Amino acid sequence: MEDKQLLQAEFKTNLGLYWLVSGAILLCITIVGIPLLLIWFPVGLWATKRYIDNMSAELTTKKLIVRKGIFTRTENTVPLDKITDMALIQGPLMRFFNIHKLTIETAGQSGAGALINLQGVEDVEQFRAQVLAQKSALTEQVVQESMPMPDETLMCLKEISETLKRIENRLATKS
């Protein structure tokens, strides 16, 4: 089966503003950071715009591909059958901007925390539901493909029965 794209995530337009405000609050809390606010806004505006432009999340028939980064770009490819949890997180500032963080955990991942964190996905509940639905469909397909046909099952059971009868006959002749 060919691996084709099913869904491409879109990101909220106010995600950059959320990151700018978060950084400004952090700089204000650390009193030493207050003078850095003059540098933060132009640099932060450039960095958040560039980061968002490089972000993508793509759902295919068999995997989820997430790309992001400014200087060091990363691409995480997660097979759908390895996903164990997809959590939605929303802090107070995130609620104000109507933004969620989607965390994706997988079987066999090393270290604490989520393997993938995505912030600001447009209609995140629907995106998560589609990923989980495709994961279920893929799992169901694998189970159906691995199940033997009824004729094969019957033949296998007959072979087992004949083998057991031969074993019983040998045991009966030895005693």
N, C-alpha and C. Protein backbone atom coordinates (compact mmCIF):
# COMPACT_ATOMS: atom_id res chain seq x y z
N MET A 1 0.84 -1.18 0.00
CA MET A 1 0.00 0.00 0.00
C MET A 1 0.89 1.25 0.00
N GLU A 2 0.56 2.17 -0.84
CA GLU A 2 1.32 3.40 -0.97
C GLU A 2 1.04 4.32 0.21
N ASP A 3 2.08 5.04 0.65
CA ASP A 3 1.95 5.97 1.77
C ASP A 3 1.62 7.35 1.22
N LYS A 4 0.34 7.75 1.27
CA LYS A 4 -0.05 9.03 0.70
C LYS A 4 -0.47 10.00 1.80
N GLN A 5 -0.36 11.28 1.49
CA GLN A 5 -0.70 12.32 2.45
C GLN A 5 -2.21 12.41 2.63
N LEU A 6 -2.65 12.43 3.90
CA LEU A 6 -4.06 12.53 4.22
C LEU A 6 -4.43 13.92 4.74
N LEU A 7 -3.50 14.55 5.48
CA LEU A 7 -3.82 15.80 6.16
C LEU A 7 -2.55 16.61 6.39
N GLN A 8 -2.64 17.90 6.17
CA GLN A 8 -1.54 18.82 6.45
C GLN A 8 -2.03 19.80 7.51
N ALA A 9 -1.33 19.91 8.63
CA ALA A 9 -1.76 20.80 9.72
C ALA A 9 -1.51 22.26 9.35
N GLU A 10 -2.45 23.10 9.75
CA GLU A 10 -2.30 24.54 9.62
C GLU A 10 -2.06 25.08 11.03
N PHE A 11 -1.35 26.23 11.11
CA PHE A 11 -1.03 26.80 12.41
C PHE A 11 -1.72 28.15 12.57
N LYS A 12 -2.08 28.46 13.81
CA LYS A 12 -2.81 29.68 14.12
C LYS A 12 -1.97 30.91 13.80
N THR A 13 -2.64 31.96 13.37
CA THR A 13 -1.94 33.19 12.99
C THR A 13 -1.38 33.93 14.20
N ASN A 14 -1.96 33.73 15.37
CA ASN A 14 -1.49 34.44 16.58
C ASN A 14 -0.44 33.64 17.36
N LEU A 15 0.09 32.56 16.80
CA LEU A 15 1.10 31.76 17.50
C LEU A 15 2.36 32.57 17.76
N GLY A 16 2.80 33.34 16.78
CA GLY A 16 3.99 34.18 16.95
C GLY A 16 3.81 35.21 18.04
N LEU A 17 2.63 35.82 18.10
CA LEU A 17 2.33 36.80 19.14
C LEU A 17 2.36 36.15 20.51
N TYR A 18 1.81 34.92 20.60
CA TYR A 18 1.84 34.18 21.87
C TYR A 18 3.28 33.97 22.33
N TRP A 19 4.16 33.55 21.41
CA TRP A 19 5.56 33.34 21.78
C TRP A 19 6.25 34.65 22.17
N LEU A 20 5.95 35.74 21.45
CA LEU A 20 6.53 37.04 21.80
C LEU A 20 6.11 37.49 23.20
N VAL A 21 4.83 37.36 23.51
CA VAL A 21 4.33 37.76 24.83
C VAL A 21 4.92 36.86 25.91
N SER A 22 5.00 35.56 25.64
CA SER A 22 5.59 34.63 26.62
C SER A 22 7.03 35.01 26.93
N GLY A 23 7.79 35.31 25.89
CA GLY A 23 9.18 35.72 26.09
C GLY A 23 9.29 37.03 26.84
N ALA A 24 8.40 37.99 26.53
CA ALA A 24 8.41 39.29 27.21
C ALA A 24 8.09 39.13 28.69
N ILE A 25 7.11 38.28 29.00
CA ILE A 25 6.77 38.04 30.41
C ILE A 25 7.95 37.43 31.14
N LEU A 26 8.61 36.46 30.51
CA LEU A 26 9.78 35.83 31.12
C LEU A 26 10.89 36.85 31.36
N LEU A 27 11.13 37.73 30.39
CA LEU A 27 12.16 38.76 30.55
C LEU A 27 11.79 39.75 31.66
N CYS A 28 10.50 40.06 31.79
CA CYS A 28 10.06 41.00 32.83
C CYS A 28 10.19 40.38 34.22
N ILE A 29 9.95 39.08 34.32
CA ILE A 29 10.06 38.41 35.62
C ILE A 29 11.50 38.45 36.11
N THR A 30 12.43 38.20 35.19
CA THR A 30 13.84 38.32 35.56
C THR A 30 14.19 39.79 35.34
N ILE A 31 14.32 40.53 36.40
CA ILE A 31 14.51 41.98 36.34
C ILE A 31 15.68 42.36 35.43
N VAL A 32 16.69 41.51 35.39
CA VAL A 32 17.85 41.76 34.53
C VAL A 32 17.43 41.76 33.06
N GLY A 33 16.35 41.04 32.73
CA GLY A 33 15.92 40.93 31.35
C GLY A 33 15.13 42.12 30.83
N ILE A 34 14.72 43.04 31.71
CA ILE A 34 13.90 44.17 31.26
C ILE A 34 14.61 45.00 30.18
N PRO A 35 15.90 45.32 30.32
CA PRO A 35 16.56 46.07 29.23
C PRO A 35 16.62 45.27 27.92
N LEU A 36 16.59 43.95 28.03
CA LEU A 36 16.65 43.12 26.82
C LEU A 36 15.35 43.14 26.01
N LEU A 37 14.27 43.69 26.59
CA LEU A 37 13.00 43.77 25.88
C LEU A 37 13.14 44.57 24.58
N LEU A 38 14.02 45.58 24.57
CA LEU A 38 14.22 46.39 23.37
C LEU A 38 14.80 45.54 22.23
N ILE A 39 15.61 44.56 22.60
CA ILE A 39 16.19 43.66 21.59
C ILE A 39 15.22 42.51 21.30
N TRP A 40 14.49 42.08 22.32
CA TRP A 40 13.62 40.91 22.18
C TRP A 40 12.56 41.07 21.09
N PHE A 41 11.89 42.22 21.06
CA PHE A 41 10.78 42.34 20.13
C PHE A 41 11.20 42.25 18.66
N PRO A 42 12.23 42.98 18.20
CA PRO A 42 12.59 42.81 16.77
C PRO A 42 13.18 41.43 16.47
N VAL A 43 14.06 40.95 17.35
CA VAL A 43 14.68 39.64 17.13
C VAL A 43 13.63 38.53 17.30
N GLY A 44 12.80 38.66 18.33
CA GLY A 44 11.76 37.66 18.57
C GLY A 44 10.74 37.62 17.45
N LEU A 45 10.39 38.77 16.91
CA LEU A 45 9.45 38.82 15.80
C LEU A 45 10.01 38.08 14.58
N TRP A 46 11.26 38.35 14.26
CA TRP A 46 11.92 37.66 13.14
C TRP A 46 12.00 36.15 13.40
N ALA A 47 12.44 35.77 14.61
CA ALA A 47 12.64 34.35 14.92
C ALA A 47 11.32 33.58 14.93
N THR A 48 10.29 34.15 15.53
CA THR A 48 9.02 33.42 15.57
C THR A 48 8.41 33.27 14.19
N LYS A 49 8.51 34.31 13.36
CA LYS A 49 7.98 34.21 12.00
C LYS A 49 8.74 33.14 11.21
N ARG A 50 10.04 33.14 11.32
CA ARG A 50 10.85 32.15 10.59
C ARG A 50 10.56 30.73 11.10
N TYR A 51 10.43 30.58 12.41
CA TYR A 51 10.17 29.27 13.00
C TYR A 51 8.82 28.73 12.53
N ILE A 52 7.79 29.58 12.55
CA ILE A 52 6.45 29.16 12.12
C ILE A 52 6.45 28.81 10.64
N ASP A 53 7.18 29.56 9.84
CA ASP A 53 7.26 29.26 8.41
C ASP A 53 7.90 27.89 8.15
N ASN A 54 8.79 27.46 9.05
CA ASN A 54 9.47 26.17 8.89
C ASN A 54 8.74 25.01 9.56
N MET A 55 7.64 25.29 10.25
CA MET A 55 6.89 24.24 10.94
C MET A 55 5.90 23.58 9.98
N SER A 56 5.82 22.26 10.08
CA SER A 56 4.78 21.54 9.35
C SER A 56 4.50 20.23 10.07
N ALA A 57 3.28 19.77 9.94
CA ALA A 57 2.88 18.47 10.48
C ALA A 57 2.00 17.82 9.42
N GLU A 58 2.40 16.64 8.99
CA GLU A 58 1.73 15.95 7.89
C GLU A 58 1.33 14.55 8.33
N LEU A 59 0.08 14.22 8.12
CA LEU A 59 -0.42 12.88 8.41
C LEU A 59 -0.50 12.11 7.10
N THR A 60 0.15 10.94 7.07
CA THR A 60 0.05 10.06 5.92
C THR A 60 -0.70 8.80 6.35
N THR A 61 -0.83 7.86 5.45
CA THR A 61 -1.57 6.65 5.78
C THR A 61 -0.88 5.81 6.84
N LYS A 62 0.46 5.95 6.98
CA LYS A 62 1.19 5.10 7.92
C LYS A 62 1.98 5.85 8.98
N LYS A 63 2.16 7.17 8.83
CA LYS A 63 3.02 7.89 9.78
C LYS A 63 2.63 9.35 9.92
N LEU A 64 3.18 9.96 10.94
CA LEU A 64 3.04 11.39 11.21
C LEU A 64 4.42 12.00 11.06
N ILE A 65 4.54 13.03 10.21
CA ILE A 65 5.82 13.67 9.95
C ILE A 65 5.74 15.11 10.47
N VAL A 66 6.67 15.48 11.37
CA VAL A 66 6.70 16.83 11.93
C VAL A 66 8.06 17.44 11.63
N ARG A 67 8.03 18.64 11.04
CA ARG A 67 9.27 19.37 10.71
C ARG A 67 9.22 20.72 11.42
N LYS A 68 10.37 21.13 11.96
CA LYS A 68 10.46 22.46 12.58
C LYS A 68 11.91 22.83 12.82
N GLY A 69 12.13 24.11 13.13
CA GLY A 69 13.46 24.60 13.44
C GLY A 69 13.84 25.82 12.63
N ILE A 70 14.79 26.60 13.16
CA ILE A 70 15.29 27.77 12.44
C ILE A 70 16.68 27.47 11.91
N PHE A 71 17.63 27.34 12.81
CA PHE A 71 19.01 27.07 12.40
C PHE A 71 19.24 25.57 12.22
N THR A 72 18.78 24.82 13.20
CA THR A 72 18.86 23.36 13.12
C THR A 72 17.45 22.85 12.87
N ARG A 73 17.23 22.36 11.69
CA ARG A 73 15.90 21.86 11.35
C ARG A 73 15.82 20.38 11.68
N THR A 74 14.72 20.00 12.29
CA THR A 74 14.51 18.60 12.65
C THR A 74 13.27 18.07 11.95
N GLU A 75 13.33 16.81 11.62
CA GLU A 75 12.17 16.12 11.07
C GLU A 75 11.96 14.85 11.86
N ASN A 76 10.83 14.75 12.51
CA ASN A 76 10.47 13.55 13.26
C ASN A 76 9.41 12.79 12.47
N THR A 77 9.68 11.52 12.23
CA THR A 77 8.72 10.66 11.55
C THR A 77 8.30 9.59 12.54
N VAL A 78 7.03 9.57 12.88
CA VAL A 78 6.52 8.64 13.88
C VAL A 78 5.54 7.69 13.20
N PRO A 79 5.85 6.39 13.19
CA PRO A 79 4.87 5.44 12.68
C PRO A 79 3.61 5.48 13.55
N LEU A 80 2.45 5.49 12.92
CA LEU A 80 1.20 5.62 13.67
C LEU A 80 1.00 4.49 14.68
N ASP A 81 1.47 3.28 14.35
CA ASP A 81 1.28 2.17 15.27
C ASP A 81 2.14 2.28 16.52
N LYS A 82 3.10 3.21 16.56
CA LYS A 82 3.95 3.41 17.74
C LYS A 82 3.42 4.50 18.67
N ILE A 83 2.43 5.26 18.24
CA ILE A 83 1.88 6.34 19.07
C ILE A 83 1.10 5.72 20.23
N THR A 84 1.47 6.13 21.46
CA THR A 84 0.79 5.62 22.65
C THR A 84 -0.11 6.68 23.29
N ASP A 85 0.21 7.97 23.12
CA ASP A 85 -0.59 9.01 23.75
C ASP A 85 -0.47 10.31 22.97
N MET A 86 -1.60 11.00 22.84
CA MET A 86 -1.64 12.34 22.25
C MET A 86 -2.42 13.22 23.22
N ALA A 87 -1.70 14.08 23.94
CA ALA A 87 -2.34 14.90 24.97
C ALA A 87 -2.45 16.35 24.51
N LEU A 88 -3.52 17.01 24.93
CA LEU A 88 -3.71 18.43 24.69
C LEU A 88 -3.46 19.17 25.99
N ILE A 89 -2.61 20.19 25.93
CA ILE A 89 -2.27 20.98 27.11
C ILE A 89 -2.56 22.44 26.80
N GLN A 90 -3.14 23.14 27.79
CA GLN A 90 -3.45 24.55 27.60
C GLN A 90 -3.29 25.29 28.92
N GLY A 91 -2.24 26.11 29.01
CA GLY A 91 -2.01 26.91 30.19
C GLY A 91 -2.84 28.19 30.14
N PRO A 92 -2.73 29.04 31.19
CA PRO A 92 -3.55 30.26 31.25
C PRO A 92 -3.30 31.22 30.08
N LEU A 93 -2.03 31.44 29.75
CA LEU A 93 -1.72 32.33 28.63
C LEU A 93 -2.16 31.71 27.30
N MET A 94 -2.05 30.41 27.21
CA MET A 94 -2.51 29.71 26.01
C MET A 94 -4.02 29.84 25.86
N ARG A 95 -4.75 29.78 26.96
CA ARG A 95 -6.21 29.95 26.91
C ARG A 95 -6.56 31.34 26.40
N PHE A 96 -5.80 32.34 26.84
CA PHE A 96 -6.04 33.71 26.40
C PHE A 96 -5.89 33.83 24.88
N PHE A 97 -4.88 33.16 24.32
CA PHE A 97 -4.63 33.19 22.89
C PHE A 97 -5.36 32.07 22.13
N ASN A 98 -6.12 31.24 22.85
CA ASN A 98 -6.83 30.09 22.28
C ASN A 98 -5.88 29.16 21.50
N ILE A 99 -4.79 28.80 22.19
CA ILE A 99 -3.77 27.93 21.60
C ILE A 99 -3.62 26.71 22.49
N HIS A 100 -3.42 25.55 21.87
CA HIS A 100 -3.17 24.30 22.59
C HIS A 100 -1.79 23.78 22.22
N LYS A 101 -1.22 23.03 23.15
CA LYS A 101 0.00 22.28 22.84
C LYS A 101 -0.40 20.81 22.72
N LEU A 102 -0.03 20.20 21.60
CA LEU A 102 -0.30 18.79 21.35
C LEU A 102 1.00 18.03 21.58
N THR A 103 0.98 17.11 22.56
CA THR A 103 2.17 16.29 22.82
C THR A 103 1.92 14.88 22.34
N ILE A 104 2.93 14.30 21.71
CA ILE A 104 2.81 12.97 21.14
C ILE A 104 3.89 12.09 21.76
N GLU A 105 3.45 11.02 22.41
CA GLU A 105 4.36 10.06 23.02
C GLU A 105 4.27 8.74 22.27
N THR A 106 5.41 8.04 22.23
CA THR A 106 5.45 6.79 21.47
C THR A 106 5.98 5.65 22.33
N ALA A 107 5.68 4.45 21.87
CA ALA A 107 6.21 3.25 22.52
C ALA A 107 7.71 3.18 22.24
N GLY A 108 8.47 2.90 23.27
CA GLY A 108 9.91 2.72 23.09
C GLY A 108 10.71 4.01 23.06
N GLN A 109 10.09 5.17 23.32
CA GLN A 109 10.87 6.40 23.31
C GLN A 109 11.73 6.47 24.56
N SER A 110 12.89 7.06 24.42
CA SER A 110 13.80 7.17 25.56
C SER A 110 13.67 8.56 26.18
N GLY A 111 13.89 8.64 27.46
CA GLY A 111 13.82 9.90 28.17
C GLY A 111 12.41 10.26 28.60
N ALA A 112 12.34 11.26 29.46
CA ALA A 112 11.05 11.70 29.98
C ALA A 112 10.44 12.73 29.04
N GLY A 113 9.15 12.86 29.09
CA GLY A 113 8.46 13.85 28.28
C GLY A 113 8.05 13.32 26.93
N ALA A 114 7.43 14.20 26.17
CA ALA A 114 6.89 13.81 24.87
C ALA A 114 7.97 13.80 23.81
N LEU A 115 7.79 12.95 22.82
CA LEU A 115 8.70 12.90 21.68
C LEU A 115 8.50 14.13 20.80
N ILE A 116 7.25 14.53 20.60
CA ILE A 116 6.92 15.67 19.74
C ILE A 116 6.00 16.61 20.49
N ASN A 117 6.30 17.90 20.42
CA ASN A 117 5.44 18.95 20.95
C ASN A 117 5.06 19.88 19.81
N LEU A 118 3.78 20.05 19.58
CA LEU A 118 3.29 20.96 18.55
C LEU A 118 2.40 22.00 19.20
N GLN A 119 2.71 23.27 18.98
CA GLN A 119 1.88 24.34 19.53
C GLN A 119 1.18 25.06 18.40
N GLY A 120 -0.05 25.46 18.67
CA GLY A 120 -0.77 26.34 17.76
C GLY A 120 -1.37 25.70 16.54
N VAL A 121 -1.61 24.39 16.57
CA VAL A 121 -2.25 23.74 15.43
C VAL A 121 -3.70 24.22 15.34
N GLU A 122 -4.08 24.64 14.16
CA GLU A 122 -5.45 25.08 13.92
C GLU A 122 -6.39 23.89 14.04
N ASP A 123 -7.49 24.04 14.76
CA ASP A 123 -8.47 22.97 14.99
C ASP A 123 -7.77 21.70 15.48
N VAL A 124 -7.06 21.84 16.59
CA VAL A 124 -6.19 20.78 17.12
C VAL A 124 -6.97 19.53 17.52
N GLU A 125 -8.19 19.70 18.02
CA GLU A 125 -8.98 18.52 18.41
C GLU A 125 -9.29 17.66 17.20
N GLN A 126 -9.63 18.30 16.09
CA GLN A 126 -9.93 17.57 14.85
C GLN A 126 -8.67 16.90 14.30
N PHE A 127 -7.53 17.59 14.38
CA PHE A 127 -6.26 17.02 13.91
C PHE A 127 -5.92 15.76 14.73
N ARG A 128 -6.04 15.87 16.04
CA ARG A 128 -5.76 14.73 16.90
C ARG A 128 -6.72 13.58 16.61
N ALA A 129 -8.01 13.89 16.44
CA ALA A 129 -8.99 12.85 16.15
C ALA A 129 -8.68 12.13 14.84
N GLN A 130 -8.23 12.87 13.84
CA GLN A 130 -7.92 12.25 12.55
C GLN A 130 -6.68 11.36 12.65
N VAL A 131 -5.67 11.80 13.42
CA VAL A 131 -4.48 10.97 13.61
C VAL A 131 -4.86 9.67 14.32
N LEU A 132 -5.66 9.78 15.38
CA LEU A 132 -6.06 8.58 16.11
C LEU A 132 -6.97 7.67 15.28
N ALA A 133 -7.82 8.27 14.44
CA ALA A 133 -8.68 7.46 13.57
C ALA A 133 -7.84 6.71 12.53
N GLN A 134 -6.83 7.37 11.97
CA GLN A 134 -5.97 6.70 11.00
C GLN A 134 -5.14 5.62 11.68
N LYS A 135 -4.72 5.87 12.92
CA LYS A 135 -3.98 4.85 13.69
C LYS A 135 -4.87 3.62 13.89
N SER A 136 -6.12 3.82 14.24
CA SER A 136 -7.06 2.70 14.42
C SER A 136 -7.30 1.96 13.12
N ALA A 137 -7.47 2.70 12.03
CA ALA A 137 -7.70 2.07 10.73
C ALA A 137 -6.49 1.24 10.30
N LEU A 138 -5.30 1.77 10.56
CA LEU A 138 -4.08 1.05 10.20
C LEU A 138 -3.94 -0.22 11.04
N THR A 139 -4.22 -0.13 12.34
CA THR A 139 -4.15 -1.28 13.22
C THR A 139 -5.15 -2.34 12.80
N GLU A 140 -6.37 -1.93 12.46
CA GLU A 140 -7.40 -2.87 12.02
C GLU A 140 -6.99 -3.55 10.71
N GLN A 141 -6.39 -2.79 9.82
CA GLN A 141 -5.94 -3.35 8.54
C GLN A 141 -4.85 -4.40 8.76
N VAL A 142 -3.90 -4.11 9.66
CA VAL A 142 -2.82 -5.07 9.95
C VAL A 142 -3.39 -6.34 10.55
N VAL A 143 -4.37 -6.22 11.45
CA VAL A 143 -4.99 -7.39 12.06
C VAL A 143 -5.70 -8.23 11.01
N GLN A 144 -6.44 -7.59 10.12
CA GLN A 144 -7.16 -8.31 9.07
C GLN A 144 -6.21 -9.02 8.12
N GLU A 145 -5.08 -8.37 7.79
CA GLU A 145 -4.11 -8.98 6.89
C GLU A 145 -3.41 -10.17 7.53
N SER A 146 -3.26 -10.14 8.85
CA SER A 146 -2.54 -11.22 9.53
C SER A 146 -3.45 -12.41 9.85
N MET A 147 -4.76 -12.22 9.76
CA MET A 147 -5.68 -13.33 10.04
C MET A 147 -5.71 -14.28 8.86
N PRO A 148 -5.57 -15.58 9.10
CA PRO A 148 -5.63 -16.53 7.99
C PRO A 148 -7.05 -16.63 7.45
N MET A 149 -7.13 -17.04 6.22
CA MET A 149 -8.43 -17.25 5.59
C MET A 149 -9.12 -18.44 6.26
N PRO A 150 -10.45 -18.53 6.27
CA PRO A 150 -11.15 -19.64 6.92
C PRO A 150 -10.71 -21.01 6.39
N ASP A 151 -10.48 -21.17 5.09
CA ASP A 151 -10.02 -22.45 4.54
C ASP A 151 -8.65 -22.82 5.09
N GLU A 152 -7.78 -21.80 5.20
CA GLU A 152 -6.44 -22.05 5.74
C GLU A 152 -6.53 -22.48 7.20
N THR A 153 -7.42 -21.86 7.93
CA THR A 153 -7.61 -22.21 9.34
C THR A 153 -8.09 -23.65 9.48
N LEU A 154 -9.05 -24.03 8.65
CA LEU A 154 -9.58 -25.38 8.69
C LEU A 154 -8.51 -26.41 8.35
N MET A 155 -7.70 -26.12 7.33
CA MET A 155 -6.61 -27.04 6.97
C MET A 155 -5.59 -27.16 8.09
N CYS A 156 -5.30 -26.03 8.71
CA CYS A 156 -4.34 -26.03 9.82
C CYS A 156 -4.87 -26.86 10.99
N LEU A 157 -6.13 -26.71 11.31
CA LEU A 157 -6.73 -27.48 12.40
C LEU A 157 -6.73 -28.97 12.09
N LYS A 158 -6.97 -29.34 10.83
CA LYS A 158 -6.94 -30.75 10.44
C LYS A 158 -5.54 -31.33 10.61
N GLU A 159 -4.52 -30.55 10.21
CA GLU A 159 -3.13 -31.01 10.38
C GLU A 159 -2.80 -31.20 11.85
N ILE A 160 -3.24 -30.27 12.69
CA ILE A 160 -2.99 -30.39 14.13
C ILE A 160 -3.69 -31.62 14.68
N SER A 161 -4.92 -31.84 14.26
CA SER A 161 -5.68 -33.01 14.72
C SER A 161 -4.98 -34.31 14.32
N GLU A 162 -4.53 -34.39 13.08
CA GLU A 162 -3.83 -35.59 12.62
C GLU A 162 -2.53 -35.81 13.39
N THR A 163 -1.81 -34.72 13.65
CA THR A 163 -0.57 -34.83 14.42
C THR A 163 -0.85 -35.32 15.83
N LEU A 164 -1.88 -34.80 16.46
CA LEU A 164 -2.23 -35.25 17.80
C LEU A 164 -2.63 -36.73 17.82
N LYS A 165 -3.34 -37.17 16.80
CA LYS A 165 -3.72 -38.59 16.71
C LYS A 165 -2.48 -39.48 16.58
N ARG A 166 -1.51 -39.04 15.77
CA ARG A 166 -0.26 -39.81 15.63
C ARG A 166 0.49 -39.88 16.96
N ILE A 167 0.50 -38.77 17.68
CA ILE A 167 1.18 -38.74 18.98
C ILE A 167 0.47 -39.68 19.95
N GLU A 168 -0.87 -39.66 19.98
CA GLU A 168 -1.63 -40.55 20.86
C GLU A 168 -1.37 -42.02 20.51
N ASN A 169 -1.33 -42.33 19.22
CA ASN A 169 -1.06 -43.73 18.80
C ASN A 169 0.32 -44.18 19.25
N ARG A 170 1.31 -43.32 19.11
CA ARG A 170 2.68 -43.68 19.53
C ARG A 170 2.73 -43.89 21.05
N LEU A 171 2.06 -42.99 21.76
CA LEU A 171 2.05 -43.14 23.22
C LEU A 171 1.31 -44.42 23.64
N ALA A 172 0.24 -44.72 22.94
CA ALA A 172 -0.54 -45.94 23.27
C ALA A 172 0.26 -47.20 22.97
N THR A 173 1.06 -47.21 21.91
CA THR A 173 1.85 -48.40 21.58
C THR A 173 3.03 -48.59 22.52
N LYS A 174 3.53 -47.51 23.12
CA LYS A 174 4.67 -47.59 24.03
C LYS A 174 4.24 -48.07 25.42
N SER A 175 3.02 -47.94 25.79
CA SER A 175 2.61 -48.32 27.13
C SER A 175 2.02 -49.69 27.22
